[in-house]
Amino acid sequence: ALPDTAAERAESVTTRGPDAIVIHLTEGVTVEWGSAERSADKALVLSSLMTAVPDAKVYNVSAPDHPATR
């Protein structure tokens, strides 16, 4: 479900459990994905966030209705 803009930059994926998926992108950027639930929604939100805030180091889409960046 990862959008192309993130998939092209993906280096690794780590997890501390089924609800704590983290995707590591190039340049030290991370995506806090959370669980696999609502992955299509998370992908759309992530794509929008990466366009709107291209210099963020953390994209948190674990709750796609309330995303965050840092």
PDB file of N, CA and C in Angstrom:
ATOM      1  N   ALA A   1       0.808  -1.206   0.000  1.00  0.00           N
ATOM      2  CA  ALA A   1       0.000   0.000   0.000  1.00  0.00           C
ATOM      3  C   ALA A   1       0.847   1.263   0.000  1.00  0.00           C
ATOM      4  N   LEU A   2       2.132   1.136   0.181  1.00  0.00           N
ATOM      5  CA  LEU A   2       3.017   2.304   0.237  1.00  0.00           C
ATOM      6  C   LEU A   2       2.984   3.055  -1.089  1.00  0.00           C
ATOM      7  N   PRO A   3       2.762   4.388  -1.061  1.00  0.00           N
ATOM      8  CA  PRO A   3       2.726   5.133  -2.313  1.00  0.00           C
ATOM      9  C   PRO A   3       4.102   5.151  -2.977  1.00  0.00           C
ATOM     10  N   ASP A   4       4.121   5.311  -4.286  1.00  0.00           N
ATOM     11  CA  ASP A   4       5.374   5.290  -5.036  1.00  0.00           C
ATOM     12  C   ASP A   4       6.403   6.275  -4.502  1.00  0.00           C
ATOM     13  N   THR A   5       5.965   7.468  -4.102  1.00  0.00           N
ATOM     14  CA  THR A   5       6.903   8.474  -3.606  1.00  0.00           C
ATOM     15  C   THR A   5       7.680   7.988  -2.392  1.00  0.00           C
ATOM     16  N   ALA A   6       7.078   7.163  -1.572  1.00  0.00           N
ATOM     17  CA  ALA A   6       7.757   6.607  -0.410  1.00  0.00           C
ATOM     18  C   ALA A   6       8.449   5.291  -0.756  1.00  0.00           C
ATOM     19  N   ALA A   7       7.822   4.463  -1.561  1.00  0.00           N
ATOM     20  CA  ALA A   7       8.391   3.158  -1.905  1.00  0.00           C
ATOM     21  C   ALA A   7       9.743   3.298  -2.585  1.00  0.00           C
ATOM     22  N   GLU A   8       9.903   4.321  -3.398  1.00  0.00           N
ATOM     23  CA  GLU A   8      11.176   4.554  -4.094  1.00  0.00           C
ATOM     24  C   GLU A   8      12.293   4.875  -3.114  1.00  0.00           C
ATOM     25  N   ARG A   9      11.937   5.389  -1.951  1.00  0.00           N
ATOM     26  CA  ARG A   9      12.928   5.805  -0.952  1.00  0.00           C
ATOM     27  C   ARG A   9      13.051   4.824   0.209  1.00  0.00           C
ATOM     28  N   ALA A  10      12.261   3.768   0.221  1.00  0.00           N
ATOM     29  CA  ALA A  10      12.254   2.827   1.348  1.00  0.00           C
ATOM     30  C   ALA A  10      13.566   2.059   1.430  1.00  0.00           C
ATOM     31  N   GLU A  11      14.106   2.000   2.643  1.00  0.00           N
ATOM     32  CA  GLU A  11      15.341   1.248   2.889  1.00  0.00           C
ATOM     33  C   GLU A  11      15.096   0.017   3.751  1.00  0.00           C
ATOM     34  N   SER A  12      14.207   0.155   4.741  1.00  0.00           N
ATOM     35  CA  SER A  12      13.923  -0.981   5.619  1.00  0.00           C
ATOM     36  C   SER A  12      12.609  -0.754   6.351  1.00  0.00           C
ATOM     37  N   VAL A  13      12.127  -1.846   6.950  1.00  0.00           N
ATOM     38  CA  VAL A  13      10.904  -1.805   7.746  1.00  0.00           C
ATOM     39  C   VAL A  13      11.207  -2.495   9.070  1.00  0.00           C
ATOM     40  N   THR A  14      10.783  -1.865  10.154  1.00  0.00           N
ATOM     41  CA  THR A  14      10.927  -2.491  11.466  1.00  0.00           C
ATOM     42  C   THR A  14       9.558  -2.519  12.132  1.00  0.00           C
ATOM     43  N   THR A  15       9.434  -3.385  13.118  1.00  0.00           N
ATOM     44  CA  THR A  15       8.179  -3.467  13.856  1.00  0.00           C
ATOM     45  C   THR A  15       8.457  -3.916  15.281  1.00  0.00           C
ATOM     46  N   ARG A  16       7.692  -3.365  16.190  1.00  0.00           N
ATOM     47  CA  ARG A  16       7.743  -3.787  17.586  1.00  0.00           C
ATOM     48  C   ARG A  16       6.474  -4.565  17.916  1.00  0.00           C
ATOM     49  N   GLY A  17       5.728  -4.944  16.893  1.00  0.00           N
ATOM     50  CA  GLY A  17       4.477  -5.670  17.047  1.00  0.00           C
ATOM     51  C   GLY A  17       3.559  -5.337  15.887  1.00  0.00           C
ATOM     52  N   PRO A  18       2.406  -5.961  15.811  1.00  0.00           N
ATOM     53  CA  PRO A  18       1.511  -5.774  14.665  1.00  0.00           C
ATOM     54  C   PRO A  18       0.932  -4.371  14.551  1.00  0.00           C
ATOM     55  N   ASP A  19       1.008  -3.586  15.614  1.00  0.00           N
ATOM     56  CA  ASP A  19       0.468  -2.225  15.589  1.00  0.00           C
ATOM     57  C   ASP A  19       1.557  -1.156  15.578  1.00  0.00           C
ATOM     58  N   ALA A  20       2.787  -1.559  15.334  1.00  0.00           N
ATOM     59  CA  ALA A  20       3.904  -0.607  15.407  1.00  0.00           C
ATOM     60  C   ALA A  20       4.860  -0.779  14.232  1.00  0.00           C
ATOM     61  N   ILE A  21       4.336  -0.664  13.019  1.00  0.00           N
ATOM     62  CA  ILE A  21       5.159  -0.770  11.817  1.00  0.00           C
ATOM     63  C   ILE A  21       5.804   0.590  11.543  1.00  0.00           C
ATOM     64  N   VAL A  22       7.116   0.591  11.321  1.00  0.00           N
ATOM     65  CA  VAL A  22       7.860   1.798  11.000  1.00  0.00           C
ATOM     66  C   VAL A  22       8.648   1.555   9.717  1.00  0.00           C
ATOM     67  N   ILE A  23       8.528   2.470   8.775  1.00  0.00           N
ATOM     68  CA  ILE A  23       9.222   2.369   7.495  1.00  0.00           C
ATOM     69  C   ILE A  23      10.332   3.412   7.487  1.00  0.00           C
ATOM     70  N   HIS A  24      11.552   2.972   7.199  1.00  0.00           N
ATOM     71  CA  HIS A  24      12.712   3.858   7.172  1.00  0.00           C
ATOM     72  C   HIS A  24      13.027   4.205   5.713  1.00  0.00           C
ATOM     73  N   LEU A  25      13.024   5.505   5.426  1.00  0.00           N
ATOM     74  CA  LEU A  25      13.310   5.991   4.084  1.00  0.00           C
ATOM     75  C   LEU A  25      14.719   6.558   4.036  1.00  0.00           C
ATOM     76  N   THR A  26      15.160   6.911   2.848  1.00  0.00           N
ATOM     77  CA  THR A  26      16.469   7.538   2.686  1.00  0.00           C
ATOM     78  C   THR A  26      16.505   8.863   3.447  1.00  0.00           C
ATOM     79  N   GLU A  27      17.698   9.353   3.677  1.00  0.00           N
ATOM     80  CA  GLU A  27      17.945  10.647   4.318  1.00  0.00           C
ATOM     81  C   GLU A  27      17.418  10.723   5.746  1.00  0.00           C
ATOM     82  N   GLY A  28      17.318   9.580   6.418  1.00  0.00           N
ATOM     83  CA  GLY A  28      16.913   9.554   7.813  1.00  0.00           C
ATOM     84  C   GLY A  28      15.448   9.836   8.069  1.00  0.00           C
ATOM     85  N   VAL A  29      14.623   9.723   7.063  1.00  0.00           N
ATOM     86  CA  VAL A  29      13.181   9.970   7.200  1.00  0.00           C
ATOM     87  C   VAL A  29      12.493   8.676   7.616  1.00  0.00           C
ATOM     88  N   THR A  30      11.532   8.783   8.543  1.00  0.00           N
ATOM     89  CA  THR A  30      10.773   7.615   8.955  1.00  0.00           C
ATOM     90  C   THR A  30       9.276   7.857   8.771  1.00  0.00           C
ATOM     91  N   VAL A  31       8.586   6.758   8.546  1.00  0.00           N
ATOM     92  CA  VAL A  31       7.128   6.773   8.436  1.00  0.00           C
ATOM     93  C   VAL A  31       6.589   5.869   9.535  1.00  0.00           C
ATOM     94  N   GLU A  32       5.846   6.451  10.453  1.00  0.00           N
ATOM     95  CA  GLU A  32       5.196   5.679  11.502  1.00  0.00           C
ATOM     96  C   GLU A  32       3.846   5.235  10.949  1.00  0.00           C
ATOM     97  N   TRP A  33       3.777   3.983  10.519  1.00  0.00           N
ATOM     98  CA  TRP A  33       2.608   3.443   9.826  1.00  0.00           C
ATOM     99  C   TRP A  33       1.574   2.895  10.800  1.00  0.00           C
ATOM    100  N   GLY A  34       2.029   2.381  11.924  1.00  0.00           N
ATOM    101  CA  GLY A  34       1.103   1.755  12.877  1.00  0.00           C
ATOM    102  C   GLY A  34       0.754   0.355  12.428  1.00  0.00           C
ATOM    103  N   SER A  35      -0.517   0.004  12.458  1.00  0.00           N
ATOM    104  CA  SER A  35      -0.963  -1.326  12.043  1.00  0.00           C
ATOM    105  C   SER A  35      -1.210  -1.356  10.536  1.00  0.00           C
ATOM    106  N   ALA A  36      -1.555  -2.527  10.040  1.00  0.00           N
ATOM    107  CA  ALA A  36      -1.859  -2.670   8.614  1.00  0.00           C
ATOM    108  C   ALA A  36      -3.286  -2.228   8.285  1.00  0.00           C
ATOM    109  N   GLU A  37      -4.096  -1.956   9.305  1.00  0.00           N
ATOM    110  CA  GLU A  37      -5.471  -1.510   9.075  1.00  0.00           C
ATOM    111  C   GLU A  37      -5.481  -0.159   8.372  1.00  0.00           C
ATOM    112  N   ARG A  38      -6.423   0.009   7.480  1.00  0.00           N
ATOM    113  CA  ARG A  38      -6.634   1.254   6.725  1.00  0.00           C
ATOM    114  C   ARG A  38      -5.391   1.658   5.917  1.00  0.00           C
ATOM    115  N   SER A  39      -4.660   0.681   5.423  1.00  0.00           N
ATOM    116  CA  SER A  39      -3.436   0.974   4.675  1.00  0.00           C
ATOM    117  C   SER A  39      -3.672   1.855   3.455  1.00  0.00           C
ATOM    118  N   ALA A  40      -4.773   1.668   2.758  1.00  0.00           N
ATOM    119  CA  ALA A  40      -5.057   2.508   1.583  1.00  0.00           C
ATOM    120  C   ALA A  40      -5.227   3.967   1.999  1.00  0.00           C
ATOM    121  N   ASP A  41      -5.928   4.203   3.101  1.00  0.00           N
ATOM    122  CA  ASP A  41      -6.090   5.568   3.606  1.00  0.00           C
ATOM    123  C   ASP A  41      -4.748   6.154   4.019  1.00  0.00           C
ATOM    124  N   LYS A  42      -3.948   5.357   4.696  1.00  0.00           N
ATOM    125  CA  LYS A  42      -2.637   5.815   5.148  1.00  0.00           C
ATOM    126  C   LYS A  42      -1.748   6.174   3.962  1.00  0.00           C
ATOM    127  N   ALA A  43      -1.811   5.397   2.891  1.00  0.00           N
ATOM    128  CA  ALA A  43      -1.014   5.675   1.705  1.00  0.00           C
ATOM    129  C   ALA A  43      -1.405   7.012   1.076  1.00  0.00           C
ATOM    130  N   LEU A  44      -2.700   7.286   0.991  1.00  0.00           N
ATOM    131  CA  LEU A  44      -3.161   8.569   0.435  1.00  0.00           C
ATOM    132  C   LEU A  44      -2.711   9.737   1.298  1.00  0.00           C
ATOM    133  N   VAL A  45      -2.851   9.591   2.597  1.00  0.00           N
ATOM    134  CA  VAL A  45      -2.446  10.652   3.517  1.00  0.00           C
ATOM    135  C   VAL A  45      -0.940  10.871   3.451  1.00  0.00           C
ATOM    136  N   LEU A  46      -0.176   9.798   3.427  1.00  0.00           N
ATOM    137  CA  LEU A  46       1.278   9.918   3.355  1.00  0.00           C
ATOM    138  C   LEU A  46       1.709  10.633   2.083  1.00  0.00           C
ATOM    139  N   SER A  47       1.127  10.280   0.981  1.00  0.00           N
ATOM    140  CA  SER A  47       1.459  10.926  -0.284  1.00  0.00           C
ATOM    141  C   SER A  47       1.203  12.433  -0.204  1.00  0.00           C
ATOM    142  N   SER A  48       0.070  12.811   0.349  1.00  0.00           N
ATOM    143  CA  SER A  48      -0.261  14.235   0.504  1.00  0.00           C
ATOM    144  C   SER A  48       0.706  14.937   1.446  1.00  0.00           C
ATOM    145  N   LEU A  49       1.026  14.286   2.565  1.00  0.00           N
ATOM    146  CA  LEU A  49       1.955  14.889   3.522  1.00  0.00           C
ATOM    147  C   LEU A  49       3.342  15.088   2.928  1.00  0.00           C
ATOM    148  N   MET A  50       3.805  14.096   2.178  1.00  0.00           N
ATOM    149  CA  MET A  50       5.140  14.200   1.594  1.00  0.00           C
ATOM    150  C   MET A  50       5.218  15.329   0.568  1.00  0.00           C
ATOM    151  N   THR A  51       4.113  15.644  -0.058  1.00  0.00           N
ATOM    152  CA  THR A  51       4.065  16.768  -0.991  1.00  0.00           C
ATOM    153  C   THR A  51       3.968  18.092  -0.236  1.00  0.00           C
ATOM    154  N   ALA A  52       3.125  18.139   0.776  1.00  0.00           N
ATOM    155  CA  ALA A  52       2.882  19.373   1.520  1.00  0.00           C
ATOM    156  C   ALA A  52       4.038  19.751   2.451  1.00  0.00           C
ATOM    157  N   VAL A  53       4.695  18.736   3.020  1.00  0.00           N
ATOM    158  CA  VAL A  53       5.778  18.977   3.985  1.00  0.00           C
ATOM    159  C   VAL A  53       6.989  18.125   3.585  1.00  0.00           C
ATOM    160  N   PRO A  54       7.647  18.490   2.487  1.00  0.00           N
ATOM    161  CA  PRO A  54       8.714  17.632   1.960  1.00  0.00           C
ATOM    162  C   PRO A  54       9.961  17.551   2.842  1.00  0.00           C
ATOM    163  N   ASP A  55      10.136  18.475   3.775  1.00  0.00           N
ATOM    164  CA  ASP A  55      11.341  18.465   4.606  1.00  0.00           C
ATOM    165  C   ASP A  55      11.139  17.811   5.973  1.00  0.00           C
ATOM    166  N   ALA A  56       9.995  17.195   6.213  1.00  0.00           N
ATOM    167  CA  ALA A  56       9.746  16.519   7.493  1.00  0.00           C
ATOM    168  C   ALA A  56      10.675  15.318   7.628  1.00  0.00           C
ATOM    169  N   LYS A  57      11.037  15.009   8.847  1.00  0.00           N
ATOM    170  CA  LYS A  57      11.866  13.831   9.131  1.00  0.00           C
ATOM    171  C   LYS A  57      11.026  12.652   9.602  1.00  0.00           C
ATOM    172  N   VAL A  58       9.810  12.938  10.097  1.00  0.00           N
ATOM    173  CA  VAL A  58       8.905  11.887  10.561  1.00  0.00           C
ATOM    174  C   VAL A  58       7.510  12.178  10.020  1.00  0.00           C
ATOM    175  N   TYR A  59       6.927  11.178   9.395  1.00  0.00           N
ATOM    176  CA  TYR A  59       5.541  11.238   8.941  1.00  0.00           C
ATOM    177  C   TYR A  59       4.785  10.191   9.731  1.00  0.00           C
ATOM    178  N   ASN A  60       3.802  10.611  10.508  1.00  0.00           N
ATOM    179  CA  ASN A  60       3.031   9.665  11.309  1.00  0.00           C
ATOM    180  C   ASN A  60       1.630   9.562  10.716  1.00  0.00           C
ATOM    181  N   VAL A  61       1.352   8.431  10.094  1.00  0.00           N
ATOM    182  CA  VAL A  61       0.034   8.182   9.501  1.00  0.00           C
ATOM    183  C   VAL A  61      -0.669   7.028  10.206  1.00  0.00           C
ATOM    184  N   SER A  62      -0.220   6.702  11.405  1.00  0.00           N
ATOM    185  CA  SER A  62      -0.807   5.582  12.141  1.00  0.00           C
ATOM    186  C   SER A  62      -2.292   5.803  12.432  1.00  0.00           C
ATOM    187  N   ALA A  63      -2.693   7.061  12.542  1.00  0.00           N
ATOM    188  CA  ALA A  63      -4.107   7.428  12.648  1.00  0.00           C
ATOM    189  C   ALA A  63      -4.379   8.351  11.468  1.00  0.00           C
ATOM    190  N   PRO A  64      -4.764   7.797  10.326  1.00  0.00           N
ATOM    191  CA  PRO A  64      -4.837   8.594   9.096  1.00  0.00           C
ATOM    192  C   PRO A  64      -5.800   9.779   9.146  1.00  0.00           C
ATOM    193  N   ASP A  65      -6.740   9.775  10.087  1.00  0.00           N
ATOM    194  CA  ASP A  65      -7.639  10.923  10.225  1.00  0.00           C
ATOM    195  C   ASP A  65      -6.974  12.072  10.995  1.00  0.00           C
ATOM    196  N   HIS A  66      -5.852  11.761  11.644  1.00  0.00           N
ATOM    197  CA  HIS A  66      -5.122  12.755  12.441  1.00  0.00           C
ATOM    198  C   HIS A  66      -3.614  12.583  12.221  1.00  0.00           C
ATOM    199  N   PRO A  67      -3.117  12.785  11.009  1.00  0.00           N
ATOM    200  CA  PRO A  67      -1.694  12.584  10.736  1.00  0.00           C
ATOM    201  C   PRO A  67      -0.853  13.699  11.355  1.00  0.00           C
ATOM    202  N   ALA A  68       0.434  13.438  11.458  1.00  0.00           N
ATOM    203  CA  ALA A  68       1.360  14.422  12.026  1.00  0.00           C
ATOM    204  C   ALA A  68       2.711  14.323  11.329  1.00  0.00           C
ATOM    205  N   THR A  69       3.456  15.401  11.402  1.00  0.00           N
ATOM    206  CA  THR A  69       4.836  15.415  10.902  1.00  0.00           C
ATOM    207  C   THR A  69       5.718  16.070  11.951  1.00  0.00           C
ATOM    208  N   ARG A  70       7.002  15.754  11.870  1.00  0.00           N
ATOM    209  CA  ARG A  70       8.009  16.420  12.731  1.00  0.00           C
ATOM    210  C   ARG A  70       9.215  16.698  11.885  1.00  0.00           C
TER     211      ARG A  70
END
